[in-house]
Amino acid sequence: MAVKKKKKIKAQIKLQIPAGSANPAPPVGPALGQHGVNIMQFCKAFNDLTKNREGLILPVVINVYEDRSFDFVIKSPPASILLKRAANLAKASSTPGKEFIGEVSCKQVEEIAKQKLQDLNTRDLAQAVKVIEGTARSMGIKVKD
C-alpha cells in the first residue's frame, strides 16, 4: 500500500473574478503568472465551473503547489452584489444612513443569508440574517418587514 505524499503549498491567491469570463488579462494573468501557473488551464476550468452563474462576481481562492499545479475553491458572491441585485440597484448609496436608495424584504435577506451561510463566521441563520441586514444598512438599503 503506497502512502500518498501531501503537496506543499507554494502560494495562496485570492481573487474576485466575474463568473464565466476569466481571461489572462489583469488581475488573473499577473497574479497566476508570477507563480508559474498555467493561466489558460485555470481560465478554462474556472469558466466551465461558473458558466451558469453569469453576471456575478465570484471570490476564488487558488492554492498553488511547489510543482506548479493548482486547485481552487469558488466562494459565494459578496453580500453587497446579492443585495444590489435583490433591490435592482446599479450601485450603493453615496451617503448610507442618511439616504436610502432601495428596499429589500426580510424574505430576500433570509435567502441571501442562506446562500452566504457557508462563507460567514457564524453557523446560525438568525445571526447570518443580522450580518446581511448590517451590510444592507451600510449600503443605504432599507430592510422592510
C-alpha atoms as a PDB file:
ATOM      1  CA  MET A   1       0.000   0.000   0.000  1.00  0.00           C
ATOM      2  CA  ALA A   2       1.560   3.244  -1.162  1.00  0.00           C
ATOM      3  CA  VAL A   3       1.494   6.325   1.033  1.00  0.00           C
ATOM      4  CA  LYS A   4       0.384   9.425  -0.840  1.00  0.00           C
ATOM      5  CA  LYS A   5       2.630  12.435  -0.234  1.00  0.00           C
ATOM      6  CA  LYS A   6       0.920  15.696   0.549  1.00  0.00           C
ATOM      7  CA  LYS A   7       1.872  18.507  -1.825  1.00  0.00           C
ATOM      8  CA  LYS A   8       3.429  21.594  -0.301  1.00  0.00           C
ATOM      9  CA  ILE A   9       1.554  24.854  -0.954  1.00  0.00           C
ATOM     10  CA  LYS A  10       3.790  27.497  -2.517  1.00  0.00           C
ATOM     11  CA  ALA A  11       1.226  30.327  -2.565  1.00  0.00           C
ATOM     12  CA  GLN A  12      -2.422  31.074  -1.924  1.00  0.00           C
ATOM     13  CA  ILE A  13      -4.006  33.637  -4.245  1.00  0.00           C
ATOM     14  CA  LYS A  14      -7.360  35.306  -3.580  1.00  0.00           C
ATOM     15  CA  LEU A  15      -9.148  36.985  -6.496  1.00  0.00           C
ATOM     16  CA  GLN A  16     -12.614  38.228  -7.392  1.00  0.00           C
ATOM     17  CA  ILE A  17     -13.466  37.250 -10.970  1.00  0.00           C
ATOM     18  CA  PRO A  18     -16.694  37.690 -12.982  1.00  0.00           C
ATOM     19  CA  ALA A  19     -18.345  34.290 -13.439  1.00  0.00           C
ATOM     20  CA  GLY A  20     -17.712  32.618 -16.768  1.00  0.00           C
ATOM     21  CA  SER A  21     -15.335  35.282 -18.051  1.00  0.00           C
ATOM     22  CA  ALA A  22     -11.884  34.634 -16.584  1.00  0.00           C
ATOM     23  CA  ASN A  23      -9.153  35.568 -19.059  1.00  0.00           C
ATOM     24  CA  PRO A  24      -5.361  36.084 -18.981  1.00  0.00           C
ATOM     25  CA  ALA A  25      -5.763  39.859 -18.658  1.00  0.00           C
ATOM     26  CA  PRO A  26      -5.249  41.508 -15.256  1.00  0.00           C
ATOM     27  CA  PRO A  27      -5.957  40.622 -12.477  1.00  0.00           C
ATOM     28  CA  VAL A  28      -5.857  36.887 -13.321  1.00  0.00           C
ATOM     29  CA  GLY A  29      -2.820  36.730 -15.615  1.00  0.00           C
ATOM     30  CA  PRO A  30      -0.273  38.612 -13.497  1.00  0.00           C
ATOM     31  CA  ALA A  31      -1.424  37.004 -10.240  1.00  0.00           C
ATOM     32  CA  LEU A  32      -1.044  33.460 -11.592  1.00  0.00           C
ATOM     33  CA  GLY A  33       1.894  34.135 -13.913  1.00  0.00           C
ATOM     34  CA  GLN A  34       4.226  35.222 -11.135  1.00  0.00           C
ATOM     35  CA  HIS A  35       3.801  31.794  -9.535  1.00  0.00           C
ATOM     36  CA  GLY A  36       4.305  29.849 -12.782  1.00  0.00           C
ATOM     37  CA  VAL A  37       0.737  28.572 -13.076  1.00  0.00           C
ATOM     38  CA  ASN A  38      -0.715  27.657 -16.479  1.00  0.00           C
ATOM     39  CA  ILE A  39      -3.081  30.626 -16.848  1.00  0.00           C
ATOM     40  CA  MET A  40      -5.194  29.238 -19.690  1.00  0.00           C
ATOM     41  CA  GLN A  41      -5.731  25.958 -17.844  1.00  0.00           C
ATOM     42  CA  PHE A  42      -7.077  27.898 -14.842  1.00  0.00           C
ATOM     43  CA  CYS A  43      -9.266  30.157 -17.022  1.00  0.00           C
ATOM     44  CA  LYS A  44     -10.850  27.186 -18.836  1.00  0.00           C
ATOM     45  CA  ALA A  45     -11.510  25.302 -15.581  1.00  0.00           C
ATOM     46  CA  PHE A  46     -12.958  28.385 -13.835  1.00  0.00           C
ATOM     47  CA  ASN A  47     -15.162  29.333 -16.812  1.00  0.00           C
ATOM     48  CA  ASP A  48     -16.502  25.771 -17.133  1.00  0.00           C
ATOM     49  CA  LEU A  49     -17.477  25.666 -13.449  1.00  0.00           C
ATOM     50  CA  THR A  50     -19.089  29.131 -13.408  1.00  0.00           C
ATOM     51  CA  LYS A  51     -20.788  29.391 -16.815  1.00  0.00           C
ATOM     52  CA  ASN A  52     -24.261  29.017 -15.235  1.00  0.00           C
ATOM     53  CA  ARG A  53     -23.695  31.956 -12.831  1.00  0.00           C
ATOM     54  CA  GLU A  54     -23.163  34.735 -15.401  1.00  0.00           C
ATOM     55  CA  GLY A  55     -23.279  38.307 -14.118  1.00  0.00           C
ATOM     56  CA  LEU A  56     -21.965  37.553 -10.631  1.00  0.00           C
ATOM     57  CA  ILE A  57     -18.531  38.378  -9.299  1.00  0.00           C
ATOM     58  CA  LEU A  58     -17.170  35.323  -7.516  1.00  0.00           C
ATOM     59  CA  PRO A  59     -14.344  35.235  -4.981  1.00  0.00           C
ATOM     60  CA  VAL A  60     -11.916  32.389  -5.658  1.00  0.00           C
ATOM     61  CA  VAL A  61      -9.058  31.035  -3.531  1.00  0.00           C
ATOM     62  CA  ILE A  62      -6.302  29.405  -5.603  1.00  0.00           C
ATOM     63  CA  ASN A  63      -3.741  27.115  -3.955  1.00  0.00           C
ATOM     64  CA  VAL A  64      -0.507  26.914  -5.966  1.00  0.00           C
ATOM     65  CA  TYR A  65       1.766  23.974  -5.165  1.00  0.00           C
ATOM     66  CA  GLU A  66       5.558  23.596  -5.461  1.00  0.00           C
ATOM     67  CA  ASP A  67       5.224  21.599  -8.719  1.00  0.00           C
ATOM     68  CA  ARG A  68       3.201  24.497 -10.249  1.00  0.00           C
ATOM     69  CA  SER A  69      -0.048  22.556 -10.115  1.00  0.00           C
ATOM     70  CA  PHE A  70      -3.055  24.247  -8.549  1.00  0.00           C
ATOM     71  CA  ASP A  71      -6.552  23.792  -7.224  1.00  0.00           C
ATOM     72  CA  PHE A  72      -9.170  26.364  -6.383  1.00  0.00           C
ATOM     73  CA  VAL A  73     -12.270  26.910  -4.301  1.00  0.00           C
ATOM     74  CA  ILE A  74     -15.080  29.168  -5.504  1.00  0.00           C
ATOM     75  CA  LYS A  75     -16.838  31.074  -2.728  1.00  0.00           C
ATOM     76  CA  SER A  76     -20.330  32.570  -2.795  1.00  0.00           C
ATOM     77  CA  PRO A  77     -20.730  36.076  -4.267  1.00  0.00           C
ATOM     78  CA  PRO A  78     -20.231  39.075  -1.956  1.00  0.00           C
ATOM     79  CA  ALA A  79     -23.326  40.062   0.008  1.00  0.00           C
ATOM     80  CA  SER A  80     -23.224  43.572  -1.469  1.00  0.00           C
ATOM     81  CA  ILE A  81     -23.640  42.230  -5.006  1.00  0.00           C
ATOM     82  CA  LEU A  82     -26.523  39.970  -3.970  1.00  0.00           C
ATOM     83  CA  LEU A  83     -28.234  42.870  -2.160  1.00  0.00           C
ATOM     84  CA  LYS A  84     -27.839  45.199  -5.148  1.00  0.00           C
ATOM     85  CA  ARG A  85     -29.341  42.518  -7.399  1.00  0.00           C
ATOM     86  CA  ALA A  86     -32.274  41.948  -4.996  1.00  0.00           C
ATOM     87  CA  ALA A  87     -33.003  45.702  -4.794  1.00  0.00           C
ATOM     88  CA  ASN A  88     -32.431  46.273  -8.559  1.00  0.00           C
ATOM     89  CA  LEU A  89     -29.692  48.835  -7.951  1.00  0.00           C
ATOM     90  CA  ALA A  90     -26.629  49.703 -10.016  1.00  0.00           C
ATOM     91  CA  LYS A  91     -24.627  50.980  -7.043  1.00  0.00           C
ATOM     92  CA  ALA A  92     -24.949  51.589  -3.322  1.00  0.00           C
ATOM     93  CA  SER A  93     -25.807  54.899  -1.653  1.00  0.00           C
ATOM     94  CA  SER A  94     -23.114  57.559  -1.523  1.00  0.00           C
ATOM     95  CA  THR A  95     -24.353  58.610   1.927  1.00  0.00           C
ATOM     96  CA  PRO A  96     -25.588  55.485   3.741  1.00  0.00           C
ATOM     97  CA  GLY A  97     -27.549  56.141   6.924  1.00  0.00           C
ATOM     98  CA  LYS A  98     -28.843  59.451   5.590  1.00  0.00           C
ATOM     99  CA  GLU A  99     -30.067  58.436   2.161  1.00  0.00           C
ATOM    100  CA  PHE A 100     -31.869  55.153   1.486  1.00  0.00           C
ATOM    101  CA  ILE A 101     -31.889  54.260  -2.197  1.00  0.00           C
ATOM    102  CA  GLY A 102     -33.600  50.874  -2.182  1.00  0.00           C
ATOM    103  CA  GLU A 103     -35.537  48.274  -0.251  1.00  0.00           C
ATOM    104  CA  VAL A 104     -35.326  44.529   0.207  1.00  0.00           C
ATOM    105  CA  SER A 105     -37.777  42.285   2.027  1.00  0.00           C
ATOM    106  CA  CYS A 106     -36.947  40.133   5.041  1.00  0.00           C
ATOM    107  CA  LYS A 107     -37.513  37.070   2.861  1.00  0.00           C
ATOM    108  CA  GLN A 108     -34.898  38.278   0.339  1.00  0.00           C
ATOM    109  CA  VAL A 109     -32.429  38.944   3.167  1.00  0.00           C
ATOM    110  CA  GLU A 110     -33.013  35.440   4.527  1.00  0.00           C
ATOM    111  CA  GLU A 111     -32.416  33.905   1.079  1.00  0.00           C
ATOM    112  CA  ILE A 112     -29.145  35.835   0.758  1.00  0.00           C
ATOM    113  CA  ALA A 113     -28.142  34.758   4.284  1.00  0.00           C
ATOM    114  CA  LYS A 114     -28.796  31.093   3.396  1.00  0.00           C
ATOM    115  CA  GLN A 115     -26.652  31.466   0.280  1.00  0.00           C
ATOM    116  CA  LYS A 116     -23.826  33.176   2.212  1.00  0.00           C
ATOM    117  CA  LEU A 117     -24.009  30.985   5.350  1.00  0.00           C
ATOM    118  CA  GLN A 118     -21.089  28.741   4.373  1.00  0.00           C
ATOM    119  CA  ASP A 119     -18.753  31.754   3.991  1.00  0.00           C
ATOM    120  CA  LEU A 120     -19.831  33.727   7.074  1.00  0.00           C
ATOM    121  CA  ASN A 121     -18.265  33.384  10.511  1.00  0.00           C
ATOM    122  CA  THR A 122     -21.470  32.004  12.007  1.00  0.00           C
ATOM    123  CA  ARG A 123     -23.470  28.811  11.556  1.00  0.00           C
ATOM    124  CA  ASP A 124     -26.709  30.262  12.957  1.00  0.00           C
ATOM    125  CA  LEU A 125     -29.157  31.514  10.321  1.00  0.00           C
ATOM    126  CA  ALA A 126     -30.563  34.240  12.593  1.00  0.00           C
ATOM    127  CA  GLN A 127     -27.063  35.665  13.107  1.00  0.00           C
ATOM    128  CA  ALA A 128     -26.356  35.405   9.370  1.00  0.00           C
ATOM    129  CA  VAL A 129     -29.526  37.424   8.673  1.00  0.00           C
ATOM    130  CA  LYS A 130     -28.267  40.121  11.063  1.00  0.00           C
ATOM    131  CA  VAL A 131     -24.925  40.232   9.210  1.00  0.00           C
ATOM    132  CA  ILE A 132     -26.697  40.675   5.857  1.00  0.00           C
ATOM    133  CA  GLU A 133     -29.030  43.330   7.341  1.00  0.00           C
ATOM    134  CA  GLY A 134     -25.974  45.228   8.563  1.00  0.00           C
ATOM    135  CA  THR A 135     -24.439  45.080   5.093  1.00  0.00           C
ATOM    136  CA  ALA A 136     -27.684  46.371   3.603  1.00  0.00           C
ATOM    137  CA  ARG A 137     -27.820  49.221   6.113  1.00  0.00           C
ATOM    138  CA  SER A 138     -24.239  50.230   5.308  1.00  0.00           C
ATOM    139  CA  MET A 139     -25.165  50.328   1.613  1.00  0.00           C
ATOM    140  CA  GLY A 140     -28.207  52.562   2.090  1.00  0.00           C
ATOM    141  CA  ILE A 141     -30.708  49.750   1.521  1.00  0.00           C
ATOM    142  CA  LYS A 142     -33.700  49.536   3.856  1.00  0.00           C
ATOM    143  CA  VAL A 143     -34.938  46.138   5.061  1.00  0.00           C
ATOM    144  CA  LYS A 144     -38.751  46.138   5.181  1.00  0.00           C
ATOM    145  CA  ASP A 145     -40.751  43.766   7.393  1.00  0.00           C
END
